[in-house]
Amino acid sequence: MGLLLAILIIGAWLFHLVYSLLYVDPNLASPMTYVHTLLQGYLFTGLFITGHDAIHRSISRKDWVNDLFGWLASFLFAGLSYKRLTRNHWQHHRFPGQEEDPDFYVKSQNFWKWWLVFMYRYVTIPQLVFMAVAFNVLLIWFSEASLLLFWIIPAFLGTFQMFYFGVFAPHKKPHTKSMNPYNSRTQKKNHLWAMLSCYFFGYHYEHHDSPTTPWWKLYKTKQTK
């Protein structure tokens, strides 16, 4: 099931991106433009979740399959480095919500400051070069407006969605006793909202408590809080 869902998410991301670039008019006066932008943003979040599950070996029993899909999903997510993502994520699980946690910002709990630091810790020079080259190459076939509305902006939306529900909301201070030992809180039980908000990743305490549980099974481990 993990492998099938990884294929479906990556396939849906690619299909909808190509469809939007080819057939959706980037008209800001049309509600459908925003629908497609938001949907593509949600599928970008799915790419990150797929890469994340690959790190935890939740896609397949074979390591090379996990690494293949992890690399592919991360690369499609704006050229993100799977190697850096893996290194930082394991560090995050060792020291959640602490100074050594690369996903945590001890100097400020302000959303925007934290997000900027978070981006700085993950964005690489090769990634920026790749995105710049890819954007200019794609301009040969697609309009600038289409690329911005259906590729660039959705990538940022996916980043915001993943960061808010998977990093900021679960790990921000104050840290209470109920968050021990992971310095992590969890969303209230609502499986539909949990899926729509971030592929059950808002059930974040449960993820830290059972890191090998794939995203699509997290709802089964949900505590009543």
Protein backbone atom coordinates (compact mmCIF):
# COMPACT_ATOMS: atom_id res chain seq x y z
CA MET A 1 0.00 0.00 0.00
CA GLY A 2 2.84 2.40 0.81
CA LEU A 3 4.42 1.91 -2.60
CA LEU A 4 1.08 2.26 -4.37
CA LEU A 5 0.28 5.51 -2.56
CA ALA A 6 3.74 6.90 -3.30
CA ILE A 7 3.21 6.19 -6.99
CA LEU A 8 -0.30 7.72 -6.89
CA ILE A 9 0.86 10.91 -5.16
CA ILE A 10 3.79 11.46 -7.50
CA GLY A 11 1.62 10.58 -10.50
CA ALA A 12 -1.18 12.90 -9.38
CA TRP A 13 1.31 15.73 -8.80
CA LEU A 14 2.80 15.32 -12.29
CA PHE A 15 -0.54 14.83 -14.06
CA HIS A 16 -2.17 17.85 -12.44
CA LEU A 17 0.88 20.04 -13.05
CA VAL A 18 0.99 19.18 -16.74
CA TYR A 19 -2.79 19.51 -17.06
CA SER A 20 -2.80 22.92 -15.37
CA LEU A 21 0.07 24.23 -17.48
CA LEU A 22 -1.50 23.02 -20.71
CA TYR A 23 -5.22 23.51 -20.23
CA VAL A 24 -5.97 25.91 -17.36
CA ASP A 25 -6.17 29.58 -18.22
CA PRO A 26 -4.11 31.55 -15.63
CA ASN A 27 -6.90 34.06 -15.22
CA LEU A 28 -6.95 35.67 -11.77
CA ALA A 29 -10.64 36.52 -12.24
CA SER A 30 -11.54 32.82 -12.50
CA PRO A 31 -12.20 30.82 -9.31
CA MET A 32 -10.88 27.69 -11.04
CA THR A 33 -7.42 29.23 -11.22
CA TYR A 34 -7.29 29.31 -7.42
CA VAL A 35 -8.74 25.81 -7.17
CA HIS A 36 -5.95 24.41 -9.33
CA THR A 37 -3.29 26.42 -7.47
CA LEU A 38 -4.49 25.16 -4.10
CA LEU A 39 -4.82 21.58 -5.32
CA GLN A 40 -1.29 21.63 -6.72
CA GLY A 41 -0.07 23.03 -3.41
CA TYR A 42 -1.71 20.12 -1.59
CA LEU A 43 -0.03 17.68 -3.97
CA PHE A 44 3.32 19.38 -3.29
CA THR A 45 2.75 18.64 0.39
CA GLY A 46 2.10 15.04 -0.61
CA LEU A 47 5.53 14.93 -2.26
CA PHE A 48 7.15 16.00 0.99
CA ILE A 49 5.16 13.46 2.99
CA THR A 50 6.25 10.76 0.53
CA GLY A 51 9.90 11.75 0.93
CA HIS A 52 9.43 11.78 4.69
CA ASP A 53 7.98 8.27 4.74
CA ALA A 54 10.89 7.09 2.61
CA ILE A 55 13.27 8.29 5.33
CA HIS A 56 11.37 6.16 7.86
CA ARG A 57 11.39 3.18 5.47
CA SER A 58 7.59 3.20 5.38
CA ILE A 59 7.12 2.93 1.61
CA SER A 60 8.73 -0.45 1.02
CA ARG A 61 10.63 -3.17 2.86
CA LYS A 62 13.49 -2.62 0.42
CA ASP A 63 15.83 0.23 1.28
CA TRP A 64 16.65 1.03 -2.33
CA VAL A 65 12.97 1.45 -3.17
CA ASN A 66 12.53 3.85 -0.25
CA ASP A 67 15.60 5.82 -1.30
CA LEU A 68 14.48 5.92 -4.94
CA PHE A 69 11.05 7.31 -4.13
CA GLY A 70 12.47 9.53 -1.40
CA TRP A 71 14.97 11.05 -3.81
CA LEU A 72 12.36 11.43 -6.57
CA ALA A 73 9.71 13.02 -4.34
CA SER A 74 12.26 15.38 -2.78
CA PHE A 75 13.70 16.36 -6.14
CA LEU A 76 10.25 17.08 -7.58
CA PHE A 77 9.60 19.23 -4.52
CA ALA A 78 11.61 22.13 -5.99
CA GLY A 79 14.90 20.24 -6.13
CA LEU A 80 15.02 19.52 -2.39
CA SER A 81 18.06 17.53 -1.28
CA TYR A 82 16.95 14.11 -0.02
CA LYS A 83 20.35 13.66 1.65
CA ARG A 84 20.01 16.88 3.65
CA LEU A 85 16.37 16.13 4.42
CA THR A 86 17.33 12.70 5.76
CA ARG A 87 20.18 14.02 7.89
CA ASN A 88 18.12 16.84 9.39
CA HIS A 89 15.06 14.70 9.98
CA TRP A 90 16.88 12.08 12.02
CA GLN A 91 18.43 14.90 14.04
CA HIS A 92 14.93 16.26 14.57
CA HIS A 93 13.77 12.93 15.98
CA ARG A 94 16.76 12.71 18.30
CA PHE A 95 16.29 16.21 19.73
CA PRO A 96 12.70 17.31 19.05
CA GLY A 97 12.00 20.89 20.06
CA GLN A 98 15.52 21.39 21.41
CA GLU A 99 18.47 23.53 20.39
CA GLU A 100 20.05 20.63 18.48
CA ASP A 101 16.86 20.17 16.44
CA PRO A 102 17.43 21.64 12.93
CA ASP A 103 13.67 22.11 12.53
CA PHE A 104 13.34 24.12 15.75
CA TYR A 105 14.25 27.77 16.26
CA VAL A 106 15.13 28.55 19.86
CA LYS A 107 15.63 32.31 19.38
CA SER A 108 12.08 33.10 18.32
CA GLN A 109 8.65 31.51 18.13
CA ASN A 110 7.49 34.00 15.51
CA PHE A 111 6.09 32.06 12.56
CA TRP A 112 7.83 34.05 9.83
CA LYS A 113 11.24 34.22 11.51
CA TRP A 114 11.11 30.51 12.23
CA TRP A 115 10.02 29.72 8.66
CA LEU A 116 12.86 31.75 7.19
CA VAL A 117 15.41 29.94 9.38
CA PHE A 118 13.77 26.63 8.49
CA MET A 119 14.10 27.41 4.78
CA TYR A 120 17.72 28.52 5.20
CA ARG A 121 18.56 25.17 6.79
CA TYR A 122 17.10 23.19 3.88
CA VAL A 123 17.63 25.26 0.74
CA THR A 124 20.87 24.61 -1.14
CA ILE A 125 22.71 26.51 -3.87
CA PRO A 126 22.33 23.62 -6.37
CA GLN A 127 18.61 23.63 -5.63
CA LEU A 128 18.31 27.34 -6.43
CA VAL A 129 20.34 26.91 -9.62
CA PHE A 130 18.17 23.98 -10.71
CA MET A 131 14.94 25.90 -10.11
CA ALA A 132 16.21 28.95 -11.99
CA VAL A 133 17.34 26.87 -14.97
CA ALA A 134 14.15 24.77 -14.98
CA PHE A 135 11.96 27.88 -14.83
CA ASN A 136 13.70 29.51 -17.79
CA VAL A 137 13.64 26.30 -19.84
CA LEU A 138 9.93 25.81 -19.17
CA LEU A 139 9.29 29.36 -20.36
CA ILE A 140 9.95 28.02 -23.86
CA TRP A 141 6.64 26.14 -23.75
CA PHE A 142 4.56 27.76 -20.98
CA SER A 143 3.68 31.28 -19.97
CA GLU A 144 5.27 32.94 -16.95
CA ALA A 145 1.84 33.36 -15.35
CA SER A 146 1.08 29.63 -15.66
CA LEU A 147 4.44 28.64 -14.18
CA LEU A 148 4.01 31.03 -11.27
CA LEU A 149 0.40 30.05 -10.50
CA PHE A 150 0.63 26.31 -11.01
CA TRP A 151 4.24 25.48 -10.11
CA ILE A 152 6.10 28.14 -8.10
CA ILE A 153 3.31 29.41 -5.84
CA PRO A 154 2.01 25.86 -5.11
CA ALA A 155 5.54 24.86 -4.05
CA PHE A 156 5.53 27.68 -1.48
CA LEU A 157 1.99 26.77 -0.39
CA GLY A 158 3.13 23.17 0.16
CA THR A 159 6.07 24.42 2.19
CA PHE A 160 3.84 26.59 4.36
CA GLN A 161 1.35 23.76 4.87
CA MET A 162 4.00 21.24 5.83
CA PHE A 163 5.87 23.72 8.06
CA TYR A 164 2.78 24.94 9.93
CA PHE A 165 1.12 21.59 10.60
CA GLY A 166 4.27 19.46 10.81
CA VAL A 167 6.74 21.74 12.57
CA PHE A 168 5.43 25.02 13.95
CA ALA A 169 2.09 24.03 15.48
CA PRO A 170 3.31 20.74 17.04
CA HIS A 171 6.63 21.99 18.45
CA LYS A 172 6.16 25.67 19.30
CA LYS A 173 6.48 26.76 22.91
CA PRO A 174 5.28 26.58 25.58
CA HIS A 175 6.27 22.95 26.02
CA THR A 176 4.00 21.28 28.56
CA LYS A 177 4.23 17.94 30.38
CA SER A 178 1.65 16.44 28.03
CA MET A 179 4.13 16.97 25.18
CA ASN A 180 6.87 14.88 26.81
CA PRO A 181 9.10 13.19 25.79
CA TYR A 182 8.91 14.58 22.25
CA ASN A 183 8.13 18.26 22.92
CA SER A 184 5.25 17.70 20.53
CA ARG A 185 1.53 18.28 20.69
CA THR A 186 -1.15 16.78 18.45
CA GLN A 187 -4.25 17.93 16.61
CA LYS A 188 -7.62 17.18 18.11
CA LYS A 189 -9.15 14.02 16.75
CA ASN A 190 -10.79 14.74 13.43
CA HIS A 191 -9.55 12.41 10.74
CA LEU A 192 -11.05 14.33 7.80
CA TRP A 193 -9.44 17.60 8.89
CA ALA A 194 -6.19 15.82 9.71
CA MET A 195 -6.04 14.40 6.18
CA LEU A 196 -6.98 17.68 4.48
CA SER A 197 -4.67 19.80 6.61
CA CYS A 198 -1.50 17.76 6.16
CA TYR A 199 -1.95 14.05 5.40
CA PHE A 200 -2.45 13.20 9.12
CA PHE A 201 0.90 14.84 9.91
CA GLY A 202 -0.84 17.06 12.45
CA TYR A 203 -1.11 13.90 14.57
CA HIS A 204 2.47 14.73 15.34
CA TYR A 205 2.89 13.36 18.84
CA GLU A 206 1.71 10.05 17.43
CA HIS A 207 4.30 10.26 14.66
CA HIS A 208 7.14 10.77 17.13
CA ASP A 209 5.78 7.97 19.30
CA SER A 210 5.56 5.61 16.31
CA PRO A 211 7.90 6.96 13.60
CA THR A 212 7.72 3.86 11.40
CA THR A 213 3.93 4.12 11.07
CA PRO A 214 3.23 5.44 7.54
CA TRP A 215 1.23 8.64 7.15
CA TRP A 216 -1.86 6.80 5.95
CA LYS A 217 -1.99 4.72 9.15
CA LEU A 218 -1.33 7.51 11.64
CA TYR A 219 -5.03 8.01 12.31
CA LYS A 220 -5.14 4.52 13.80
CA THR A 221 -2.62 5.50 16.48
CA LYS A 222 -4.40 8.75 17.34
CA GLN A 223 -4.66 9.40 21.04
CA THR A 224 -7.81 10.95 22.46
CA LYS A 225 -6.71 14.50 23.26
